[in-house]
Amino acid sequence: ALDAKGRIQQVGPTVEQALSAWLAHHLDRGKGEYTNSVRAYRAAVSLFRRFLQEAGRSPAEVCCGELDEDDIRAFIEWLRDPATAQQQKQRADSSVEFYVAAILAGLRWAAAHKDFGGEWVPPSLPADIEWEPRARMRIPTVHMTARVTLAASGWVRQALVLAYYTGLRASQVMGLRWGDVDLDTGDLKLPGALGKSKQERRGRRVPMSPHLVKELRQWA
């Protein structure tokens, strides 16, 4: 049998079966917890479903073996279209790159899986696709950070001092309360609500240096 493009229709799971199983696999690896990675993968799959549906193709009916580089190229163009981004500006190329890479990874996983693999080959990224070069992130040195901290004043300096000596994220520093600080034991208790990782969401103890304890006593 031939598909709409005149190609031999290949066997294989439907897009819905393959990508849903791939998401379940990642969810199982995270012991049922929706991590940031799983949320991002879910967003990619949701976009790919929408792309197929708007093209008149049901994810529950399209077999993975029917997909080719032309479909991936069309998905990229669809993602780059400001109208599909549901916002005033065009979707960042780095986001497009991530969503496409996620879908390709999901299809490769399905092709290698014992329940979904068979006589079908997952599509690849078209060779002519070029992504915008990412801006190189410049990480400040310890010396640079110290100079900025010394030059700051008020609550900005206090926040920088806490971040400098504890390594906490900006959102965590801004969420701290005096009740989280024990100047007698030199411990800072990071509440689980401020945690980013699964381990941090259990709450954790952050030891403070004598210099930071001395600094905090001046603020109290």
C-alpha atoms as a PDB file:
ATOM      1  CA  ALA A   1       0.000   0.000   0.000  1.00  0.00           C
ATOM      2  CA  LEU A   2       1.151   3.526  -0.754  1.00  0.00           C
ATOM      3  CA  ASP A   3       0.743   6.576   1.431  1.00  0.00           C
ATOM      4  CA  ALA A   4      -0.309  10.076   0.338  1.00  0.00           C
ATOM      5  CA  LYS A   5       3.209  10.784  -0.978  1.00  0.00           C
ATOM      6  CA  GLY A   6       3.342   7.656  -3.116  1.00  0.00           C
ATOM      7  CA  ARG A   7       5.781   5.872  -0.831  1.00  0.00           C
ATOM      8  CA  ILE A   8       5.477   2.321   0.409  1.00  0.00           C
ATOM      9  CA  GLN A   9       3.644   2.575   3.694  1.00  0.00           C
ATOM     10  CA  GLN A  10       5.812   1.224   6.469  1.00  0.00           C
ATOM     11  CA  VAL A  11       4.713  -0.647   9.520  1.00  0.00           C
ATOM     12  CA  GLY A  12       5.243   0.695  12.974  1.00  0.00           C
ATOM     13  CA  PRO A  13       3.426   2.191  15.925  1.00  0.00           C
ATOM     14  CA  THR A  14       1.356   5.315  15.598  1.00  0.00           C
ATOM     15  CA  VAL A  15       2.933   8.602  16.592  1.00  0.00           C
ATOM     16  CA  GLU A  16       0.600   8.729  19.585  1.00  0.00           C
ATOM     17  CA  GLN A  17       1.603   5.264  20.774  1.00  0.00           C
ATOM     18  CA  ALA A  18       5.320   5.875  20.354  1.00  0.00           C
ATOM     19  CA  LEU A  19       5.575   9.323  21.915  1.00  0.00           C
ATOM     20  CA  SER A  20       3.142   8.534  24.746  1.00  0.00           C
ATOM     21  CA  ALA A  21       5.232   5.482  25.644  1.00  0.00           C
ATOM     22  CA  TRP A  22       8.395   7.580  25.467  1.00  0.00           C
ATOM     23  CA  LEU A  23       6.930  10.118  27.910  1.00  0.00           C
ATOM     24  CA  ALA A  24       5.802   7.310  30.212  1.00  0.00           C
ATOM     25  CA  HIS A  25       9.344   5.928  30.099  1.00  0.00           C
ATOM     26  CA  HIS A  26      10.787   9.248  31.308  1.00  0.00           C
ATOM     27  CA  LEU A  27       8.064   9.597  33.919  1.00  0.00           C
ATOM     28  CA  ASP A  28       8.868   6.107  35.199  1.00  0.00           C
ATOM     29  CA  ARG A  29      12.583   6.970  35.383  1.00  0.00           C
ATOM     30  CA  GLY A  30      11.656   9.941  37.558  1.00  0.00           C
ATOM     31  CA  LYS A  31       9.559   7.643  39.802  1.00  0.00           C
ATOM     32  CA  GLY A  32       6.332   9.310  38.727  1.00  0.00           C
ATOM     33  CA  GLU A  33       7.522  12.867  39.345  1.00  0.00           C
ATOM     34  CA  TYR A  34       6.999  15.520  36.696  1.00  0.00           C
ATOM     35  CA  THR A  35      10.521  16.927  36.521  1.00  0.00           C
ATOM     36  CA  ASN A  36      11.400  19.966  34.421  1.00  0.00           C
ATOM     37  CA  SER A  37      12.707  17.630  31.716  1.00  0.00           C
ATOM     38  CA  VAL A  38       9.467  15.654  31.576  1.00  0.00           C
ATOM     39  CA  ARG A  39       7.444  18.875  31.396  1.00  0.00           C
ATOM     40  CA  ALA A  40       9.602  20.101  28.522  1.00  0.00           C
ATOM     41  CA  TYR A  41       9.234  16.783  26.674  1.00  0.00           C
ATOM     42  CA  ARG A  42       5.467  16.887  27.192  1.00  0.00           C
ATOM     43  CA  ALA A  43       5.389  20.365  25.676  1.00  0.00           C
ATOM     44  CA  ALA A  44       7.328  19.115  22.639  1.00  0.00           C
ATOM     45  CA  VAL A  45       4.971  16.172  22.131  1.00  0.00           C
ATOM     46  CA  SER A  46       1.936  18.428  22.544  1.00  0.00           C
ATOM     47  CA  LEU A  47       3.274  20.743  19.843  1.00  0.00           C
ATOM     48  CA  PHE A  48       3.981  17.850  17.494  1.00  0.00           C
ATOM     49  CA  ARG A  49       0.437  16.542  17.983  1.00  0.00           C
ATOM     50  CA  ARG A  50      -0.937  19.994  17.201  1.00  0.00           C
ATOM     51  CA  PHE A  51       1.275  20.266  14.115  1.00  0.00           C
ATOM     52  CA  LEU A  52      -0.037  16.980  12.728  1.00  0.00           C
ATOM     53  CA  GLN A  53      -3.630  17.824  13.550  1.00  0.00           C
ATOM     54  CA  GLU A  54      -3.446  21.185  11.806  1.00  0.00           C
ATOM     55  CA  ALA A  55      -2.067  19.346   8.772  1.00  0.00           C
ATOM     56  CA  GLY A  56      -5.131  17.084   8.813  1.00  0.00           C
ATOM     57  CA  ARG A  57      -3.240  14.070  10.155  1.00  0.00           C
ATOM     58  CA  SER A  58      -4.280  12.371  13.377  1.00  0.00           C
ATOM     59  CA  PRO A  59      -1.389  11.368  15.686  1.00  0.00           C
ATOM     60  CA  ALA A  60      -3.442   8.293  16.571  1.00  0.00           C
ATOM     61  CA  GLU A  61      -3.505   7.202  12.920  1.00  0.00           C
ATOM     62  CA  VAL A  62      -0.165   8.325  11.458  1.00  0.00           C
ATOM     63  CA  CYS A  63       2.449   5.572  11.715  1.00  0.00           C
ATOM     64  CA  CYS A  64       5.958   6.548  12.736  1.00  0.00           C
ATOM     65  CA  GLY A  65       7.299   4.878   9.611  1.00  0.00           C
ATOM     66  CA  GLU A  66       5.377   7.378   7.479  1.00  0.00           C
ATOM     67  CA  LEU A  67       7.366  10.296   8.825  1.00  0.00           C
ATOM     68  CA  ASP A  68      10.390  11.545   6.889  1.00  0.00           C
ATOM     69  CA  GLU A  69      12.718  14.542   6.705  1.00  0.00           C
ATOM     70  CA  ASP A  70      10.090  16.588   4.867  1.00  0.00           C
ATOM     71  CA  ASP A  71       7.781  16.204   7.855  1.00  0.00           C
ATOM     72  CA  ILE A  72      10.526  17.319  10.235  1.00  0.00           C
ATOM     73  CA  ARG A  73      11.298  20.305   7.996  1.00  0.00           C
ATOM     74  CA  ALA A  74       7.600  21.228   7.925  1.00  0.00           C
ATOM     75  CA  PHE A  75       7.470  20.910  11.729  1.00  0.00           C
ATOM     76  CA  ILE A  76      10.414  23.308  12.033  1.00  0.00           C
ATOM     77  CA  GLU A  77       8.763  25.834   9.720  1.00  0.00           C
ATOM     78  CA  TRP A  78       5.528  25.490  11.683  1.00  0.00           C
ATOM     79  CA  LEU A  79       7.347  26.117  14.964  1.00  0.00           C
ATOM     80  CA  ARG A  80       9.111  29.168  13.522  1.00  0.00           C
ATOM     81  CA  ASP A  81       5.834  30.688  12.363  1.00  0.00           C
ATOM     82  CA  PRO A  82       4.875  33.429  14.880  1.00  0.00           C
ATOM     83  CA  ALA A  83       1.203  32.521  14.390  1.00  0.00           C
ATOM     84  CA  THR A  84       1.771  29.067  15.896  1.00  0.00           C
ATOM     85  CA  ALA A  85       3.784  30.416  18.809  1.00  0.00           C
ATOM     86  CA  GLN A  86       0.629  32.085  20.177  1.00  0.00           C
ATOM     87  CA  GLN A  87       2.630  35.148  21.109  1.00  0.00           C
ATOM     88  CA  GLN A  88       3.609  38.499  19.629  1.00  0.00           C
ATOM     89  CA  LYS A  89       7.126  37.503  18.671  1.00  0.00           C
ATOM     90  CA  GLN A  90       8.662  34.550  16.907  1.00  0.00           C
ATOM     91  CA  ARG A  91       9.575  31.517  18.994  1.00  0.00           C
ATOM     92  CA  ALA A  92      13.278  31.467  19.882  1.00  0.00           C
ATOM     93  CA  ASP A  93      15.341  29.266  17.581  1.00  0.00           C
ATOM     94  CA  SER A  94      16.854  27.529  20.603  1.00  0.00           C
ATOM     95  CA  SER A  95      13.341  26.458  21.641  1.00  0.00           C
ATOM     96  CA  VAL A  96      12.601  25.192  18.133  1.00  0.00           C
ATOM     97  CA  GLU A  97      15.849  23.208  18.199  1.00  0.00           C
ATOM     98  CA  PHE A  98      14.921  21.641  21.544  1.00  0.00           C
ATOM     99  CA  TYR A  99      11.392  20.654  20.488  1.00  0.00           C
ATOM    100  CA  VAL A 100      12.630  19.068  17.266  1.00  0.00           C
ATOM    101  CA  ALA A 101      15.459  17.229  19.050  1.00  0.00           C
ATOM    102  CA  ALA A 102      12.964  15.916  21.627  1.00  0.00           C
ATOM    103  CA  ILE A 103      10.618  14.511  18.972  1.00  0.00           C
ATOM    104  CA  LEU A 104      13.478  12.896  17.064  1.00  0.00           C
ATOM    105  CA  ALA A 105      14.779  11.377  20.300  1.00  0.00           C
ATOM    106  CA  GLY A 106      11.334  10.001  21.098  1.00  0.00           C
ATOM    107  CA  LEU A 107      11.030   8.397  17.674  1.00  0.00           C
ATOM    108  CA  ARG A 108      14.533   6.897  17.915  1.00  0.00           C
ATOM    109  CA  TRP A 109      13.651   5.467  21.319  1.00  0.00           C
ATOM    110  CA  ALA A 110      10.510   3.865  19.898  1.00  0.00           C
ATOM    111  CA  ALA A 111      12.419   2.408  16.933  1.00  0.00           C
ATOM    112  CA  ALA A 112      14.865   0.741  19.324  1.00  0.00           C
ATOM    113  CA  HIS A 113      12.170  -0.490  21.717  1.00  0.00           C
ATOM    114  CA  LYS A 114      11.259  -4.164  21.592  1.00  0.00           C
ATOM    115  CA  ASP A 115       7.528  -3.387  21.522  1.00  0.00           C
ATOM    116  CA  PHE A 116       7.666  -0.741  18.803  1.00  0.00           C
ATOM    117  CA  GLY A 117      10.725  -1.506  16.712  1.00  0.00           C
ATOM    118  CA  GLY A 118      10.447  -3.255  13.394  1.00  0.00           C
ATOM    119  CA  GLU A 119      10.772  -2.552   9.724  1.00  0.00           C
ATOM    120  CA  TRP A 120      10.641   1.205  10.042  1.00  0.00           C
ATOM    121  CA  VAL A 121      13.306   3.857  10.332  1.00  0.00           C
ATOM    122  CA  PRO A 122      12.840   7.055  12.345  1.00  0.00           C
ATOM    123  CA  PRO A 123      13.334  10.312  10.433  1.00  0.00           C
ATOM    124  CA  SER A 124      16.475  12.395  10.820  1.00  0.00           C
ATOM    125  CA  LEU A 125      17.105  16.108  10.949  1.00  0.00           C
ATOM    126  CA  PRO A 126      17.341  17.439   7.365  1.00  0.00           C
ATOM    127  CA  ALA A 127      20.971  18.148   6.460  1.00  0.00           C
ATOM    128  CA  ASP A 128      20.132  21.666   5.239  1.00  0.00           C
ATOM    129  CA  ILE A 129      18.691  22.798   8.572  1.00  0.00           C
ATOM    130  CA  GLU A 130      20.917  25.287  10.370  1.00  0.00           C
ATOM    131  CA  TRP A 131      20.287  26.596  13.852  1.00  0.00           C
ATOM    132  CA  GLU A 132      21.185  30.078  14.996  1.00  0.00           C
ATOM    133  CA  PRO A 133      24.485  30.041  16.905  1.00  0.00           C
ATOM    134  CA  ARG A 134      23.912  30.398  20.606  1.00  0.00           C
ATOM    135  CA  ALA A 135      25.404  33.313  22.459  1.00  0.00           C
ATOM    136  CA  ARG A 136      28.384  32.262  24.523  1.00  0.00           C
ATOM    137  CA  MET A 137      27.648  32.527  28.221  1.00  0.00           C
ATOM    138  CA  ARG A 138      30.321  34.370  30.154  1.00  0.00           C
ATOM    139  CA  ILE A 139      30.593  33.142  33.712  1.00  0.00           C
ATOM    140  CA  PRO A 140      32.076  35.700  36.129  1.00  0.00           C
ATOM    141  CA  THR A 141      35.217  34.754  37.996  1.00  0.00           C
ATOM    142  CA  VAL A 142      35.438  34.755  41.785  1.00  0.00           C
ATOM    143  CA  HIS A 143      37.392  38.023  41.595  1.00  0.00           C
ATOM    144  CA  MET A 144      34.741  39.678  39.422  1.00  0.00           C
ATOM    145  CA  THR A 145      31.941  38.492  41.724  1.00  0.00           C
ATOM    146  CA  ALA A 146      33.761  39.844  44.777  1.00  0.00           C
ATOM    147  CA  ARG A 147      34.239  43.251  43.131  1.00  0.00           C
ATOM    148  CA  VAL A 148      30.543  43.503  42.242  1.00  0.00           C
ATOM    149  CA  THR A 149      29.544  42.503  45.788  1.00  0.00           C
ATOM    150  CA  LEU A 150      31.824  45.112  47.363  1.00  0.00           C
ATOM    151  CA  ALA A 151      30.489  47.811  45.037  1.00  0.00           C
ATOM    152  CA  ALA A 152      26.817  47.042  45.836  1.00  0.00           C
ATOM    153  CA  SER A 153      24.831  48.421  48.759  1.00  0.00           C
ATOM    154  CA  GLY A 154      21.606  47.838  50.659  1.00  0.00           C
ATOM    155  CA  TRP A 155      19.549  44.679  50.073  1.00  0.00           C
ATOM    156  CA  VAL A 156      21.321  44.066  46.768  1.00  0.00           C
ATOM    157  CA  ARG A 157      24.646  43.674  48.582  1.00  0.00           C
ATOM    158  CA  GLN A 158      23.025  41.418  51.188  1.00  0.00           C
ATOM    159  CA  ALA A 159      21.568  39.164  48.494  1.00  0.00           C
ATOM    160  CA  LEU A 160      24.912  38.997  46.682  1.00  0.00           C
ATOM    161  CA  VAL A 161      26.751  38.136  49.910  1.00  0.00           C
ATOM    162  CA  LEU A 162      24.336  35.273  50.635  1.00  0.00           C
ATOM    163  CA  ALA A 163      24.620  33.938  47.088  1.00  0.00           C
ATOM    164  CA  TYR A 164      28.422  34.317  47.091  1.00  0.00           C
ATOM    165  CA  TYR A 165      28.966  32.356  50.308  1.00  0.00           C
ATOM    166  CA  THR A 166      26.215  29.726  49.938  1.00  0.00           C
ATOM    167  CA  GLY A 167      25.936  29.105  46.185  1.00  0.00           C
ATOM    168  CA  LEU A 168      22.163  29.478  46.342  1.00  0.00           C
ATOM    169  CA  ARG A 169      20.151  30.621  43.335  1.00  0.00           C
ATOM    170  CA  ALA A 170      18.757  34.154  43.222  1.00  0.00           C
ATOM    171  CA  SER A 171      15.175  32.910  43.733  1.00  0.00           C
ATOM    172  CA  GLN A 172      16.288  30.891  46.760  1.00  0.00           C
ATOM    173  CA  VAL A 173      18.152  33.793  48.320  1.00  0.00           C
ATOM    174  CA  MET A 174      15.146  36.094  47.876  1.00  0.00           C
ATOM    175  CA  GLY A 175      12.845  33.492  49.427  1.00  0.00           C
ATOM    176  CA  LEU A 176      14.797  33.041  52.650  1.00  0.00           C
ATOM    177  CA  ARG A 177      13.448  34.228  56.006  1.00  0.00           C
ATOM    178  CA  TRP A 178      15.257  34.860  59.280  1.00  0.00           C
ATOM    179  CA  GLY A 179      13.640  31.709  60.642  1.00  0.00           C
ATOM    180  CA  ASP A 180      15.710  29.721  58.153  1.00  0.00           C
ATOM    181  CA  VAL A 181      18.977  30.965  59.662  1.00  0.00           C
ATOM    182  CA  ASP A 182      20.544  29.635  62.870  1.00  0.00           C
ATOM    183  CA  LEU A 183      23.434  31.904  63.800  1.00  0.00           C
ATOM    184  CA  ASP A 184      24.311  29.809  66.854  1.00  0.00           C
ATOM    185  CA  THR A 185      24.955  26.595  64.918  1.00  0.00           C
ATOM    186  CA  GLY A 186      26.052  28.351  61.724  1.00  0.00           C
ATOM    187  CA  ASP A 187      23.442  26.540  59.664  1.00  0.00           C
ATOM    188  CA  LEU A 188      21.077  27.801  57.012  1.00  0.00           C
ATOM    189  CA  LYS A 189      18.019  25.654  56.380  1.00  0.00           C
ATOM    190  CA  LEU A 190      16.810  25.779  52.795  1.00  0.00           C
ATOM    191  CA  PRO A 191      13.030  25.150  52.840  1.00  0.00           C
ATOM    192  CA  GLY A 192      11.765  22.459  50.494  1.00  0.00           C
ATOM    193  CA  ALA A 193       9.475  25.002  48.829  1.00  0.00           C
ATOM    194  CA  LEU A 194      12.579  26.769  47.484  1.00  0.00           C
ATOM    195  CA  GLY A 195      14.166  23.605  46.121  1.00  0.00           C
ATOM    196  CA  LYS A 196      14.680  23.041  42.415  1.00  0.00           C
ATOM    197  CA  SER A 197      15.692  19.386  42.330  1.00  0.00           C
ATOM    198  CA  LYS A 198      13.864  16.435  43.871  1.00  0.00           C
ATOM    199  CA  GLN A 199      16.498  16.236  46.613  1.00  0.00           C
ATOM    200  CA  GLU A 200      16.295  19.963  47.375  1.00  0.00           C
ATOM    201  CA  ARG A 201      12.504  19.793  47.638  1.00  0.00           C
ATOM    202  CA  ARG A 202      13.015  17.654  50.745  1.00  0.00           C
ATOM    203  CA  GLY A 203      14.825  20.613  52.282  1.00  0.00           C
ATOM    204  CA  ARG A 204      18.537  20.743  52.981  1.00  0.00           C
ATOM    205  CA  ARG A 205      21.056  22.193  55.392  1.00  0.00           C
ATOM    206  CA  VAL A 206      23.606  24.691  54.115  1.00  0.00           C
ATOM    207  CA  PRO A 207      26.610  25.262  56.412  1.00  0.00           C
ATOM    208  CA  MET A 208      27.691  28.899  56.690  1.00  0.00           C
ATOM    209  CA  SER A 209      31.246  30.141  56.988  1.00  0.00           C
ATOM    210  CA  PRO A 210      32.250  32.102  60.120  1.00  0.00           C
ATOM    211  CA  HIS A 211      32.609  35.211  57.957  1.00  0.00           C
ATOM    212  CA  LEU A 212      29.013  34.895  56.695  1.00  0.00           C
ATOM    213  CA  VAL A 213      27.714  34.302  60.233  1.00  0.00           C
ATOM    214  CA  LYS A 214      29.537  37.448  61.375  1.00  0.00           C
ATOM    215  CA  GLU A 215      28.041  39.368  58.448  1.00  0.00           C
ATOM    216  CA  LEU A 216      24.526  38.160  59.204  1.00  0.00           C
ATOM    217  CA  ARG A 217      24.816  39.153  62.865  1.00  0.00           C
ATOM    218  CA  GLN A 218      25.323  42.714  61.699  1.00  0.00           C
ATOM    219  CA  TRP A 219      22.080  42.552  59.719  1.00  0.00           C
ATOM    220  CA  ALA A 220      19.941  41.061  62.479  1.00  0.00           C
END
